[in-house]
C-alpha cells in the first residue's frame, strides 16, 4: 500500500477506536478525526437517486463546455454578424481559462457549504451568462461586450464542473462505482466542447454560403438570426438544468455510501499545507498538469499547426472532435475497469502515457517529413492526432482518482482544484510563448512528446497508495 512513502501524519485515524487494533495501530496520530457514527456501523448504503444527481451534474458540465466553445467553430460567421476581430475570437475562448483564476474560492465554497450550494451558484452564473448573450440590442459594440460578459460568467462555472466530480462520486457512490462516476462527471464537459464543433456549423451558415444545410441565403442578417437561435437554445437548456437542480439536488444522501464518505476531512488551510508538503502529490500533480496543459494549448491552435500540412479547417475540427469523443469513451471504459480491478490506477496511467508518447512522437516526426521521409497523409495525421487525444483525455478521471487516494483525507474538491489550476498555468505559459514564436511551430509539436515522456517517468517513479480504498475495504470486511 505504499506505507513506506507515507508519513505518520498522513495516515491519521479517521475512525474512532474500536474498529480494530490493526487499523488503529496503522493510523495512530495525534490529529485523529472522529468519523460519523454511521460509518462504524457497516459498509454504507447507496441510493438509486445517485444516478439522477450524476445526470444533473453531467448535463451541467456538458452544457458549460458547449457554451464555452460556441464561437470557435463559427468564428467566420460571428465576424460578419457582430464585427468580431481576431482578438475578440481569441478572448472569447480565453474566458474559459481565465474563469479558473477564482477557483480557490469555489473550492472553499465546496468544502464549507457542500455540493448543492456550489452547483446552484455555478448553474446560476451560467443562466446569467447565457442570458446576457441573448439580450436583443442593435448596438454591435454593446452586443459584443454583453457576449464577452456572458462568456466570462460561463467561464466562472468551469472550476466547479471540472473539479467537483471526485467529490460527487465519493459523496454518493460506493467504492466499486467511484471511478466510473468520476469519469462520467468529468468527461461530459469535454464532450460538450466537442459537440460544439457539430452544433454551430450545422445551424449557422458560413459567410460564403457553403453551409451543408443552408446554401442559398447567407446574408449578414440571416447569419445573425441563426447565431441568435443557437444562443437562445443554449439559454433555454441552461434554464431547464438550473430549474431541475433547484427543484432536486440534495447535498448528500441520508446515509453515506462508504466509510470514506462519512469520515471527517482536513480543514481548508491544513489541506493546502498537506498538499504543498506532500512530495508524492507534487510529483503526480506535475505528471498531470504539464502534459494536459500542453495538450490543451496545442489543441486550441490545432488549425494553425495543421495549416502547413495543408489540412483544412474542417478536417482540423473533425480531428479535434473525434479525439475528444474517443477520449471520453475510453476514459469511462478505463474507469469502469479500475472499479472492477482495484489498485491498478498507476498501471493504467503507464499504459495510457506510453501510448500518448508514441502517438505524439509519430505526429511530430510526420510533420517533419522533409527530414524523416515519413508519409504525410490525411490518414496518418488523423490517426496520430486522434490517438493522442484518446490517450491523454482518457487519463483525466484516472488521475483524479489517484490524486484523491494519494492525499486522503484532504477534500476532493481542493485536491482536484489545485491540479487543474496548475494545468491552466502551464497552458497559459505555453500560449504566452506562442505569441512570440508563432512563425515556425515545430518547437510546439516537440513539446508534446517531451511533456508526455516526462510525465511517463514521473508516473514510473511514483509509489501509489490507496488510503481511502484501504479504509473502505478494511472496515467493510
Protein backbone atom coordinates (compact mmCIF):
# COMPACT_ATOMS: atom_id res chain seq x y z
CA UNK A 1 0.00 0.00 0.00
CA UNK A 2 2.99 2.30 -0.23
CA UNK A 3 3.19 2.80 3.54
CA UNK A 4 6.92 3.46 3.38
CA UNK A 5 6.27 6.54 1.27
CA UNK A 6 3.55 7.96 3.55
CA UNK A 7 4.42 9.88 6.69
CA UNK A 8 2.86 9.00 10.00
CA UNK A 9 0.93 12.26 9.90
CA UNK A 10 -0.62 11.37 6.54
CA UNK A 11 -2.08 8.19 7.98
CA UNK A 12 -4.08 9.80 10.72
CA UNK A 13 -7.01 7.84 12.17
CA UNK A 14 -10.29 8.72 10.53
CA UNK A 15 -12.34 6.30 12.62
CA UNK A 16 -12.82 6.17 16.33
CA UNK A 17 -11.34 3.45 18.49
CA UNK A 18 -12.93 0.07 18.45
CA UNK A 19 -12.82 -0.58 14.73
CA UNK A 20 -9.92 -2.95 15.16
CA UNK A 21 -6.48 -2.92 16.73
CA UNK A 22 -4.68 -3.40 13.43
CA UNK A 23 -6.32 -0.46 11.74
CA UNK A 24 -5.95 1.77 14.77
CA UNK A 25 -2.26 1.00 15.02
CA UNK A 26 -1.71 1.69 11.34
CA UNK A 27 -3.27 5.14 11.53
CA UNK A 28 -2.27 6.28 15.03
CA UNK A 29 -1.79 10.06 15.20
CA UNK A 30 -2.44 12.99 17.47
CA UNK A 31 -4.56 14.56 14.71
CA UNK A 32 -7.20 11.85 14.80
CA UNK A 33 -10.57 12.83 13.35
CA UNK A 34 -13.66 11.10 14.62
CA UNK A 35 -15.85 9.57 11.95
CA UNK A 36 -19.57 9.98 11.76
CA UNK A 37 -21.49 7.46 13.86
CA UNK A 38 -22.94 5.81 10.80
CA UNK A 39 -19.51 5.00 9.47
CA UNK A 40 -18.74 2.38 12.03
CA UNK A 41 -21.98 0.53 11.60
CA UNK A 42 -21.29 -1.02 8.23
CA UNK A 43 -20.04 -0.55 4.69
CA UNK A 44 -22.70 2.09 3.88
CA UNK A 45 -25.73 2.31 1.64
CA UNK A 46 -26.25 3.57 -1.90
CA UNK A 47 -29.44 5.11 -3.24
CA UNK A 48 -30.92 4.95 -6.72
CA UNK A 49 -31.24 8.73 -6.76
CA UNK A 50 -27.45 8.93 -7.06
CA UNK A 51 -27.79 8.43 -10.81
CA UNK A 52 -30.17 11.39 -11.03
CA UNK A 53 -27.67 13.57 -9.18
CA UNK A 54 -24.91 12.38 -11.51
CA UNK A 55 -27.11 13.05 -14.54
CA UNK A 56 -27.88 16.63 -13.49
CA UNK A 57 -24.25 17.42 -12.75
CA UNK A 58 -23.07 15.79 -16.00
CA UNK A 59 -25.62 17.74 -18.05
CA UNK A 60 -24.46 20.95 -16.38
CA UNK A 61 -20.85 20.11 -17.24
CA UNK A 62 -21.83 19.21 -20.81
CA UNK A 63 -23.64 22.49 -21.42
CA UNK A 64 -20.83 24.51 -19.81
CA UNK A 65 -18.37 23.02 -22.29
CA UNK A 66 -20.84 23.59 -25.14
CA UNK A 67 -21.34 27.26 -24.24
CA UNK A 68 -17.60 27.82 -23.80
CA UNK A 69 -16.86 26.55 -27.32
CA UNK A 70 -19.78 28.31 -29.02
CA UNK A 71 -17.74 30.80 -31.02
CA UNK A 72 -14.66 28.91 -32.18
CA UNK A 73 -16.38 26.67 -34.75
CA UNK A 74 -18.43 29.59 -36.18
CA UNK A 75 -15.83 32.33 -35.93
CA UNK A 76 -16.11 33.39 -39.58
CA UNK A 77 -19.87 33.78 -39.29
CA UNK A 78 -19.50 35.62 -35.98
CA UNK A 79 -17.07 38.08 -37.55
CA UNK A 80 -19.61 39.00 -40.22
CA UNK A 81 -22.65 39.10 -37.91
CA UNK A 82 -21.17 41.02 -34.98
CA UNK A 83 -17.95 42.51 -36.29
CA UNK A 84 -15.69 40.42 -34.08
CA UNK A 85 -11.95 40.85 -34.57
CA UNK A 86 -9.32 38.12 -34.25
CA UNK A 87 -8.59 39.40 -30.75
CA UNK A 88 -12.29 39.10 -29.84
CA UNK A 89 -12.44 35.49 -31.02
CA UNK A 90 -9.30 34.61 -29.07
CA UNK A 91 -10.64 36.32 -25.94
CA UNK A 92 -13.97 34.50 -26.20
CA UNK A 93 -12.04 31.23 -25.95
CA UNK A 94 -9.68 32.52 -23.26
CA UNK A 95 -12.56 33.32 -20.90
CA UNK A 96 -12.54 29.60 -20.07
CA UNK A 97 -9.01 29.51 -18.60
CA UNK A 98 -9.48 33.00 -17.12
CA UNK A 99 -12.50 31.68 -15.25
CA UNK A 100 -10.18 29.41 -13.27
CA UNK A 101 -8.49 32.34 -11.53
CA UNK A 102 -11.03 32.36 -8.64
CA UNK A 103 -11.10 28.55 -8.48
CA UNK A 104 -9.81 28.56 -4.89
CA UNK A 105 -12.92 30.47 -3.84
CA UNK A 106 -15.11 27.79 -5.40
CA UNK A 107 -13.04 25.09 -3.68
CA UNK A 108 -13.59 26.84 -0.36
CA UNK A 109 -17.34 27.02 -1.04
CA UNK A 110 -17.46 23.33 -1.95
CA UNK A 111 -15.55 22.42 1.20
CA UNK A 112 -17.60 24.63 3.55
CA UNK A 113 -21.11 24.68 2.08
CA UNK A 114 -21.27 21.42 0.18
CA UNK A 115 -22.25 20.29 -3.29
CA UNK A 116 -25.77 21.72 -3.59
CA UNK A 117 -24.91 25.36 -2.88
CA UNK A 118 -21.86 25.23 -5.13
CA UNK A 119 -23.75 23.64 -8.04
CA UNK A 120 -26.65 26.08 -7.66
CA UNK A 121 -24.28 29.05 -7.76
CA UNK A 122 -22.50 27.57 -10.77
CA UNK A 123 -25.70 26.97 -12.71
CA UNK A 124 -26.98 30.44 -11.78
CA UNK A 125 -23.81 32.01 -13.19
CA UNK A 126 -24.41 30.06 -16.39
CA UNK A 127 -28.02 31.32 -16.53
CA UNK A 128 -26.79 34.89 -16.20
CA UNK A 129 -24.04 34.35 -18.75
CA UNK A 130 -26.19 32.74 -21.43
CA UNK A 131 -28.94 35.30 -20.73
CA UNK A 132 -26.61 38.25 -21.28
CA UNK A 133 -25.73 36.94 -24.72
CA UNK A 134 -29.43 36.87 -25.69
CA UNK A 135 -30.32 40.48 -24.84
CA UNK A 136 -31.61 41.99 -28.12
CA UNK A 137 -29.56 45.14 -28.76
CA UNK A 138 -28.91 46.77 -32.13
CA UNK A 139 -25.67 48.45 -30.99
CA UNK A 140 -22.97 45.98 -32.09
CA UNK A 141 -20.35 47.39 -29.72
CA UNK A 142 -22.63 46.89 -26.70
CA UNK A 143 -23.70 43.49 -28.03
CA UNK A 144 -20.10 42.33 -28.24
CA UNK A 145 -19.50 43.47 -24.66
CA UNK A 146 -22.55 41.55 -23.47
CA UNK A 147 -21.33 38.44 -25.26
CA UNK A 148 -17.90 38.78 -23.64
CA UNK A 149 -19.57 39.23 -20.25
CA UNK A 150 -21.66 36.13 -20.81
CA UNK A 151 -18.63 34.07 -21.76
CA UNK A 152 -16.81 35.32 -18.67
CA UNK A 153 -19.68 34.24 -16.37
CA UNK A 154 -19.78 30.85 -18.08
CA UNK A 155 -16.02 30.57 -17.57
CA UNK A 156 -16.52 31.11 -13.84
CA UNK A 157 -18.57 27.89 -13.83
CA UNK A 158 -15.52 25.96 -15.04
CA UNK A 159 -13.86 25.30 -11.65
CA UNK A 160 -16.95 23.51 -10.31
CA UNK A 161 -17.71 21.34 -13.34
CA UNK A 162 -14.04 20.39 -13.69
CA UNK A 163 -13.15 19.83 -10.02
CA UNK A 164 -16.25 18.60 -8.21
CA UNK A 165 -16.56 15.21 -9.95
CA UNK A 166 -14.48 13.24 -7.37
CA UNK A 167 -16.34 14.98 -4.53
CA UNK A 168 -19.68 13.93 -6.03
CA UNK A 169 -18.57 10.34 -6.60
CA UNK A 170 -17.27 9.98 -3.04
CA UNK A 171 -20.41 11.54 -1.56
CA UNK A 172 -22.93 9.43 -3.48
CA UNK A 173 -21.25 6.29 -4.84
CA UNK A 174 -19.77 3.18 -3.29
CA UNK A 175 -16.11 2.23 -3.60
CA UNK A 176 -16.73 -0.03 -6.62
CA UNK A 177 -18.51 2.75 -8.56
CA UNK A 178 -16.47 5.83 -7.70
CA UNK A 179 -14.06 5.79 -10.64
CA UNK A 180 -16.90 5.30 -13.13
CA UNK A 181 -18.90 8.18 -11.64
CA UNK A 182 -15.83 10.42 -11.65
CA UNK A 183 -15.17 9.60 -15.31
CA UNK A 184 -18.74 10.34 -16.40
CA UNK A 185 -18.96 13.62 -14.49
CA UNK A 186 -15.53 14.88 -15.58
CA UNK A 187 -15.67 13.75 -19.22
CA UNK A 188 -19.03 15.32 -20.13
CA UNK A 189 -17.55 18.82 -20.10
CA UNK A 190 -15.03 17.75 -22.74
CA UNK A 191 -17.82 16.13 -24.73
CA UNK A 192 -19.84 19.34 -24.66
CA UNK A 193 -16.91 21.26 -26.12
CA UNK A 194 -16.60 18.63 -28.84
CA UNK A 195 -20.29 18.76 -29.75
CA UNK A 196 -19.95 22.50 -30.37
CA UNK A 197 -17.98 21.55 -33.49
CA UNK A 198 -21.18 19.92 -34.80
CA UNK A 199 -23.95 22.19 -33.48
CA UNK A 200 -22.53 25.52 -34.61
CA UNK A 201 -21.58 24.73 -38.23
CA UNK A 202 -24.79 22.72 -38.82
CA UNK A 203 -27.09 25.55 -37.68
CA UNK A 204 -25.14 28.68 -38.61
CA UNK A 205 -24.39 29.19 -42.32
CA UNK A 206 -20.90 30.17 -43.39
CA UNK A 207 -20.40 33.68 -44.83
CA UNK A 208 -19.79 32.30 -48.32
CA UNK A 209 -22.94 30.20 -48.28
CA UNK A 210 -21.19 26.84 -48.02
CA UNK A 211 -23.16 25.57 -45.02
CA UNK A 212 -24.36 21.99 -45.59
CA UNK A 213 -27.92 22.95 -44.63
CA UNK A 214 -28.25 26.49 -45.95
CA UNK A 215 -26.55 27.05 -49.29
CA UNK A 216 -28.57 29.88 -50.80
CA UNK A 217 -29.14 32.65 -48.23
CA UNK A 218 -26.15 33.75 -46.19
CA UNK A 219 -26.68 37.45 -45.70
CA UNK A 220 -25.46 39.14 -42.54
CA UNK A 221 -28.97 39.39 -41.09
CA UNK A 222 -29.72 35.75 -41.70
CA UNK A 223 -26.42 34.62 -40.19
CA UNK A 224 -27.12 36.78 -37.15
CA UNK A 225 -30.58 35.23 -36.78
CA UNK A 226 -29.15 31.71 -36.87
CA UNK A 227 -26.48 32.56 -34.29
CA UNK A 228 -29.13 34.04 -32.02
CA UNK A 229 -31.15 30.85 -32.42
CA UNK A 230 -28.18 28.90 -31.06
CA UNK A 231 -27.77 31.38 -28.19
CA UNK A 232 -31.46 31.18 -27.27
CA UNK A 233 -31.39 27.37 -27.39
CA UNK A 234 -28.37 27.23 -25.09
CA UNK A 235 -30.03 29.71 -22.73
CA UNK A 236 -33.17 27.58 -22.60
CA UNK A 237 -31.25 24.38 -21.84
CA UNK A 238 -29.27 26.09 -19.07
CA UNK A 239 -32.51 27.41 -17.53
CA UNK A 240 -34.01 23.91 -17.57
CA UNK A 241 -30.96 22.44 -15.85
CA UNK A 242 -30.95 25.24 -13.26
CA UNK A 243 -34.65 24.66 -12.55
CA UNK A 244 -34.12 20.91 -12.16
CA UNK A 245 -31.15 21.50 -9.88
CA UNK A 246 -33.10 23.99 -7.80
CA UNK A 247 -36.01 21.53 -7.50
CA UNK A 248 -33.93 18.49 -6.59
CA UNK A 249 -30.22 18.30 -5.98
CA UNK A 250 -29.63 17.11 -2.39
CA UNK A 251 -26.23 17.94 -0.88
CA UNK A 252 -25.70 14.37 0.34
CA UNK A 253 -27.58 11.09 0.75
CA UNK A 254 -29.35 10.25 4.05
CA UNK A 255 -26.69 7.65 4.81
CA UNK A 256 -23.13 7.70 3.43
CA UNK A 257 -22.29 5.10 0.76
CA UNK A 258 -18.94 4.22 2.33
CA UNK A 259 -16.80 4.76 5.39
CA UNK A 260 -14.64 7.24 3.48
CA UNK A 261 -17.70 9.34 2.64
CA UNK A 262 -18.62 9.58 6.34
CA UNK A 263 -15.16 10.39 7.63
CA UNK A 264 -14.09 13.85 8.66
CA UNK A 265 -11.73 15.72 6.32
CA UNK A 266 -8.98 18.23 6.91
CA UNK A 267 -9.71 21.94 7.12
CA UNK A 268 -9.23 24.26 4.15
CA UNK A 269 -5.96 25.73 5.45
CA UNK A 270 -4.48 22.44 6.61
CA UNK A 271 -5.40 20.83 3.29
CA UNK A 272 -3.20 23.27 1.39
CA UNK A 273 -0.36 22.76 3.84
CA UNK A 274 -0.68 18.99 3.40
CA UNK A 275 -0.72 19.20 -0.39
CA UNK A 276 2.26 21.52 -0.69
CA UNK A 277 4.34 19.43 1.71
CA UNK A 278 3.49 16.08 0.12
CA UNK A 279 6.27 15.21 -2.33
CA UNK A 280 4.35 12.30 -3.85
CA UNK A 281 1.37 14.54 -4.58
CA UNK A 282 3.57 17.20 -6.19
CA UNK A 283 5.16 14.52 -8.35
CA UNK A 284 1.88 13.15 -9.67
CA UNK A 285 0.37 16.66 -9.94
CA UNK A 286 3.16 17.68 -12.32
CA UNK A 287 2.68 14.44 -14.22
CA UNK A 288 -0.90 15.57 -14.85
CA UNK A 289 -0.55 19.35 -15.21
CA UNK A 290 2.36 19.54 -17.66
CA UNK A 291 1.15 17.22 -20.47
CA UNK A 292 -2.55 18.09 -20.09
CA UNK A 293 -1.74 21.81 -20.07
CA UNK A 294 0.48 21.48 -23.13
CA UNK A 295 -2.14 19.38 -24.91
CA UNK A 296 -4.92 21.87 -24.13
CA UNK A 297 -2.87 24.73 -25.57
CA UNK A 298 -1.85 22.64 -28.57
CA UNK A 299 -5.47 21.64 -29.25
CA UNK A 300 -6.58 25.27 -29.13
CA UNK A 301 -4.33 26.14 -32.08
CA UNK A 302 -4.60 22.80 -33.90
CA UNK A 303 -5.87 24.51 -37.05
CA UNK A 304 -2.78 26.76 -37.06
CA UNK A 305 -0.45 23.79 -36.52
CA UNK A 306 -2.01 21.69 -39.29
CA UNK A 307 -2.13 24.51 -41.84
CA UNK A 308 1.47 23.89 -43.07
CA UNK A 309 0.45 20.27 -43.65
CA UNK A 310 -2.36 21.51 -45.95
CA UNK A 311 -5.13 20.34 -43.60
CA UNK A 312 -8.34 22.36 -43.92
CA UNK A 313 -10.16 23.97 -41.01
CA UNK A 314 -13.00 21.47 -41.37
CA UNK A 315 -10.63 18.49 -41.14
CA UNK A 316 -8.88 20.05 -38.14
CA UNK A 317 -12.26 20.42 -36.43
CA UNK A 318 -13.14 16.79 -37.08
CA UNK A 319 -9.77 15.66 -35.75
CA UNK A 320 -10.40 17.59 -32.55
CA UNK A 321 -13.94 16.25 -32.29
CA UNK A 322 -13.05 12.58 -32.63
CA UNK A 323 -10.05 12.84 -30.32
CA UNK A 324 -12.29 14.23 -27.55
CA UNK A 325 -15.12 11.77 -28.16
CA UNK A 326 -12.67 8.87 -28.24
CA UNK A 327 -11.05 10.11 -25.04
CA UNK A 328 -14.43 10.27 -23.29
CA UNK A 329 -15.39 6.74 -24.32
CA UNK A 330 -12.02 5.23 -23.43
CA UNK A 331 -11.84 7.22 -20.19
CA UNK A 332 -15.18 5.88 -18.97
CA UNK A 333 -14.21 2.36 -20.04
CA UNK A 334 -10.88 2.59 -18.22
CA UNK A 335 -12.58 3.92 -15.10
CA UNK A 336 -15.06 1.05 -15.13
CA UNK A 337 -12.14 -1.35 -15.44
CA UNK A 338 -10.46 0.38 -12.49
CA UNK A 339 -13.60 -0.17 -10.42
CA UNK A 340 -13.54 -3.90 -11.15
CA UNK A 341 -9.76 -4.29 -10.71
CA UNK A 342 -8.91 -2.06 -7.77
CA UNK A 343 -5.45 -0.75 -7.07
CA UNK A 344 -4.41 -0.55 -10.75
CA UNK A 345 -4.51 3.20 -11.36
CA UNK A 346 -0.75 3.57 -11.80
CA UNK A 347 -0.61 0.71 -14.31
CA UNK A 348 -3.46 2.22 -16.33
CA UNK A 349 -1.70 5.59 -16.44
CA UNK A 350 1.56 3.96 -17.52
CA UNK A 351 -0.22 2.29 -20.43
CA UNK A 352 -2.04 5.47 -21.44
CA UNK A 353 1.05 7.67 -21.36
CA UNK A 354 3.14 5.10 -23.19
CA UNK A 355 0.59 5.32 -25.98
CA UNK A 356 0.49 9.13 -25.74
CA UNK A 357 4.29 9.38 -26.00
CA UNK A 358 4.37 7.14 -29.08
CA UNK A 359 1.43 8.92 -30.74
CA UNK A 360 2.83 12.42 -30.16
CA UNK A 361 6.26 11.33 -31.43
CA UNK A 362 4.63 9.82 -34.52
CA UNK A 363 2.74 13.07 -35.22
CA UNK A 364 5.80 15.27 -34.67
CA UNK A 365 8.02 13.20 -36.92
CA UNK A 366 5.30 13.04 -39.56
CA UNK A 367 5.13 16.84 -39.67
CA UNK A 368 8.91 16.81 -40.32
CA UNK A 369 8.51 14.55 -43.36
CA UNK A 370 11.10 16.54 -45.30
CA UNK A 371 13.68 15.18 -42.84
CA UNK A 372 12.18 11.89 -41.67
CA UNK A 373 10.56 10.95 -45.03
CA UNK A 374 7.54 9.56 -43.18
CA UNK A 375 4.32 9.57 -45.22
CA UNK A 376 2.35 12.79 -44.62
CA UNK A 377 -1.22 11.83 -45.45
CA UNK A 378 -4.64 12.64 -44.08
CA UNK A 379 -4.88 9.14 -42.63
CA UNK A 380 -1.62 9.40 -40.68
CA UNK A 381 -2.50 12.85 -39.34
CA UNK A 382 -5.98 11.73 -38.33
CA UNK A 383 -4.68 8.55 -36.69
CA UNK A 384 -1.83 10.15 -34.74
CA UNK A 385 -3.86 13.14 -33.53
CA UNK A 386 -6.91 11.11 -32.54
CA UNK A 387 -4.83 8.50 -30.73
CA UNK A 388 -3.02 11.26 -28.87
CA UNK A 389 -6.31 12.81 -27.80
CA UNK A 390 -7.73 9.46 -26.77
CA UNK A 391 -4.75 8.57 -24.58
CA UNK A 392 -4.48 11.96 -22.88
CA UNK A 393 -8.17 12.82 -22.43
CA UNK A 394 -8.98 9.38 -21.05
CA UNK A 395 -6.30 9.78 -18.36
CA UNK A 396 -8.12 12.68 -16.65
CA UNK A 397 -10.56 10.66 -14.47
CA UNK A 398 -7.83 8.12 -13.62
CA UNK A 399 -5.59 10.96 -12.45
CA UNK A 400 -8.40 12.46 -10.36
CA UNK A 401 -8.97 9.19 -8.54
CA UNK A 402 -5.25 8.73 -7.92
CA UNK A 403 -4.96 12.27 -6.54
CA UNK A 404 -7.72 11.66 -4.02
CA UNK A 405 -6.31 8.30 -2.96
CA UNK A 406 -2.82 9.76 -2.53
CA UNK A 407 -3.69 12.70 -0.27
CA UNK A 408 -6.76 11.40 1.56
CA UNK A 409 -8.24 12.83 3.87
CA UNK A 410 -7.73 16.12 2.00
CA UNK A 411 -11.14 17.10 0.46
CA UNK A 412 -11.58 16.04 -3.14
CA UNK A 413 -12.54 19.48 -4.45
CA UNK A 414 -9.41 21.11 -3.06
CA UNK A 415 -7.13 18.40 -4.42
CA UNK A 416 -8.51 18.49 -7.96
CA UNK A 417 -8.77 22.28 -7.91
CA UNK A 418 -5.04 22.63 -7.27
CA UNK A 419 -4.04 20.32 -10.13
CA UNK A 420 -6.43 21.85 -12.67
CA UNK A 421 -5.17 25.31 -11.68
CA UNK A 422 -1.61 24.12 -12.33
CA UNK A 423 -2.67 22.71 -15.68
CA UNK A 424 -4.17 26.06 -16.71
CA UNK A 425 -0.96 27.81 -15.66
CA UNK A 426 1.14 25.59 -17.94
CA UNK A 427 -1.32 26.12 -20.79
CA UNK A 428 -1.18 29.89 -20.29
CA UNK A 429 2.62 29.91 -20.24
CA UNK A 430 2.78 27.90 -23.44
CA UNK A 431 0.30 30.16 -25.25
CA UNK A 432 2.24 33.18 -23.99
CA UNK A 433 5.41 31.89 -25.68
CA UNK A 434 3.37 31.15 -28.80
CA UNK A 435 2.61 34.85 -29.19
CA UNK A 436 6.35 35.49 -29.65
CA UNK A 437 7.36 32.37 -31.59
CA UNK A 438 4.47 31.74 -33.97
CA UNK A 439 6.20 31.78 -37.35
CA UNK A 440 7.67 28.27 -37.01
CA UNK A 441 5.77 25.78 -34.85
CA UNK A 442 7.93 22.65 -34.83
CA UNK A 443 9.03 23.52 -31.28
CA UNK A 444 5.37 23.45 -30.22
CA UNK A 445 4.97 19.94 -31.62
CA UNK A 446 8.08 18.75 -29.79
CA UNK A 447 6.59 19.98 -26.50
CA UNK A 448 4.01 17.21 -26.77
CA UNK A 449 6.27 14.10 -26.76
CA UNK A 450 8.62 15.86 -24.31
CA UNK A 451 5.84 16.51 -21.79
CA UNK A 452 4.36 13.03 -22.23
CA UNK A 453 7.76 11.40 -21.72
CA UNK A 454 8.39 13.49 -18.60
CA UNK A 455 5.00 12.51 -17.23
CA UNK A 456 5.68 8.87 -18.00
CA UNK A 457 8.93 8.99 -16.00
CA UNK A 458 7.21 10.72 -13.07
CA UNK A 459 4.45 8.12 -13.01
CA UNK A 460 7.03 5.33 -13.21
CA UNK A 461 8.86 6.71 -10.14
CA UNK A 462 5.62 7.34 -8.24
CA UNK A 463 4.77 4.99 -5.36
CA UNK A 464 1.00 4.65 -5.27
CA UNK A 465 -1.06 4.29 -2.10
CA UNK A 466 -4.80 3.74 -1.69
CA UNK A 467 -5.58 5.11 1.75
CA UNK A 468 -9.24 5.85 1.01
CA UNK A 469 -9.85 2.47 -0.63
CA UNK A 470 -7.98 0.70 2.17
CA UNK A 471 -10.22 2.35 4.74
CA UNK A 472 -13.38 1.26 2.94
CA UNK A 473 -12.21 -2.31 2.36
CA UNK A 474 -10.86 -2.94 5.87
CA UNK A 475 -13.90 -1.54 7.68
CA UNK A 476 -16.33 -3.27 5.30
CA UNK A 477 -14.63 -6.60 5.95
